Amino acid sequence: MSVKIDYQYPPTVGEAVGDIQSIANGAALTIRPDEGVVWMIEFLSYGGACTIAYTDGTLSNTIDTLAAAGVIEKAEYRISNAEYLTITNTSGGAATFGYRGYIVNQV
């Protein structure tokens, strides 16, 4: 038996999200939606050496440590306000980092 859910704010799927920024050495680009929103991040670009981590702000798991500029395509990182991504610049100088994805759910 299925139950129909009557959403006050129905889920939104497909709206694009993304950003590109110059990040100082040792600083991080934080990829984190607002409370109640879930994103699927499918593309990361990094302009230099970096560490990509999945975190809740207290505990972090390193996804990858990269030595040079490049991209990660078809990543499919599902993130929320509580569990999100950081890209920390370890290149020794400022570098450009970015991401692209879409909204999976929004309340």
Protein backbone atom coordinates (compact mmCIF):
# COMPACT_ATOMS: atom_id res chain seq x y z
CA MET A 1 0.00 0.00 0.00
CA SER A 2 1.49 3.34 -0.98
CA VAL A 3 0.82 6.58 0.83
CA LYS A 4 0.71 9.85 -1.04
CA ILE A 5 2.85 12.50 0.62
CA ASP A 6 1.33 15.97 0.50
CA TYR A 7 4.34 18.29 0.50
CA GLN A 8 3.90 21.86 1.62
CA TYR A 9 7.02 22.58 -0.44
CA PRO A 10 7.39 19.82 -3.04
CA PRO A 11 10.87 18.46 -3.82
CA THR A 12 12.73 20.29 -6.54
CA VAL A 13 14.99 18.25 -8.77
CA GLY A 14 17.33 19.48 -11.40
CA GLU A 15 18.02 23.14 -10.64
CA ALA A 16 21.71 23.77 -11.24
CA VAL A 17 24.16 24.79 -8.51
CA GLY A 18 27.80 25.75 -8.90
CA ASP A 19 30.56 28.16 -8.05
CA ILE A 20 34.14 29.00 -8.97
CA GLN A 21 36.53 30.90 -6.67
CA SER A 22 40.16 31.81 -6.21
CA ILE A 23 41.25 30.17 -2.93
CA ALA A 24 44.36 31.16 -0.97
CA ASN A 25 46.92 28.50 -0.05
CA GLY A 26 45.78 26.66 3.09
CA ALA A 27 42.17 27.91 2.76
CA ALA A 28 39.21 25.81 1.60
CA LEU A 29 36.28 26.06 -0.75
CA THR A 30 33.30 24.75 1.22
CA ILE A 31 30.55 23.15 -0.85
CA ARG A 32 27.52 23.18 1.44
CA PRO A 33 23.83 23.75 0.69
CA ASP A 34 21.44 25.57 3.00
CA GLU A 35 19.58 23.68 5.73
CA GLY A 36 16.91 21.36 4.29
CA VAL A 37 18.49 21.19 0.82
CA VAL A 38 20.33 18.23 -0.74
CA TRP A 39 22.71 18.64 -3.69
CA MET A 40 24.29 16.12 -6.03
CA ILE A 41 27.76 17.38 -6.96
CA GLU A 42 28.89 15.81 -10.21
CA PHE A 43 31.87 17.93 -11.28
CA LEU A 44 34.84 19.37 -9.33
CA SER A 45 37.62 21.47 -10.83
CA TYR A 46 40.86 22.22 -9.03
CA GLY A 47 43.53 24.62 -10.19
CA GLY A 48 46.33 23.12 -8.15
CA ALA A 49 47.25 20.59 -5.49
CA CYS A 50 44.46 20.06 -2.99
CA THR A 51 42.74 17.74 -0.56
CA ILE A 52 39.05 16.96 -1.08
CA ALA A 53 37.18 15.86 2.05
CA TYR A 54 33.68 14.78 3.07
CA THR A 55 32.91 16.28 6.48
CA ASP A 56 30.28 17.04 9.08
CA GLY A 57 32.37 19.93 10.45
CA THR A 58 33.90 17.77 13.19
CA LEU A 59 34.87 14.50 11.52
CA SER A 60 36.33 14.38 8.01
CA ASN A 61 37.12 11.64 5.52
CA THR A 62 39.63 12.46 2.82
CA ILE A 63 38.20 11.59 -0.58
CA ASP A 64 41.34 12.39 -2.56
CA THR A 65 44.68 14.19 -2.27
CA LEU A 66 45.65 15.57 -5.67
CA ALA A 67 49.08 16.82 -6.70
CA ALA A 68 48.21 18.97 -9.73
CA ALA A 69 45.34 20.81 -11.43
CA GLY A 70 42.52 18.79 -12.99
CA VAL A 71 38.86 17.83 -12.85
CA ILE A 72 36.69 15.10 -11.37
CA GLU A 73 33.67 14.33 -13.55
CA LYS A 74 30.67 12.10 -12.78
CA ALA A 75 31.51 12.35 -9.08
CA GLU A 76 27.94 11.97 -7.73
CA TYR A 77 28.67 13.30 -4.24
CA ARG A 78 25.34 13.65 -2.41
CA ILE A 79 25.71 16.40 0.20
CA SER A 80 23.56 18.31 2.68
CA ASN A 81 24.04 21.09 5.20
CA ALA A 82 25.05 18.49 7.79
CA GLU A 83 27.45 16.50 5.57
CA TYR A 84 29.30 18.45 2.91
CA LEU A 85 32.53 18.78 0.91
CA THR A 86 35.63 20.91 1.34
CA ILE A 87 38.45 21.41 -1.15
CA THR A 88 41.56 22.63 0.68
CA ASN A 89 44.23 24.33 -1.40
CA THR A 90 47.68 22.80 -0.75
CA SER A 91 49.36 24.17 -3.90
CA GLY A 92 51.58 26.74 -2.20
CA GLY A 93 49.79 29.74 -3.77
CA ALA A 94 46.33 30.94 -4.71
CA ALA A 95 44.44 28.64 -7.11
CA THR A 96 41.00 28.46 -8.67
CA PHE A 97 38.54 25.79 -7.50
CA GLY A 98 34.96 25.12 -8.51
CA TYR A 99 32.04 22.73 -8.64
CA ARG A 100 28.86 22.02 -10.53
CA GLY A 101 25.82 19.94 -9.65
CA TYR A 102 22.08 20.09 -9.11
CA ILE A 103 19.45 20.20 -6.38
CA VAL A 104 18.08 16.79 -5.45
CA ASN A 105 15.61 17.85 -2.77
CA GLN A 106 14.49 21.09 -1.21
CA VAL A 107 11.97 21.66 1.59
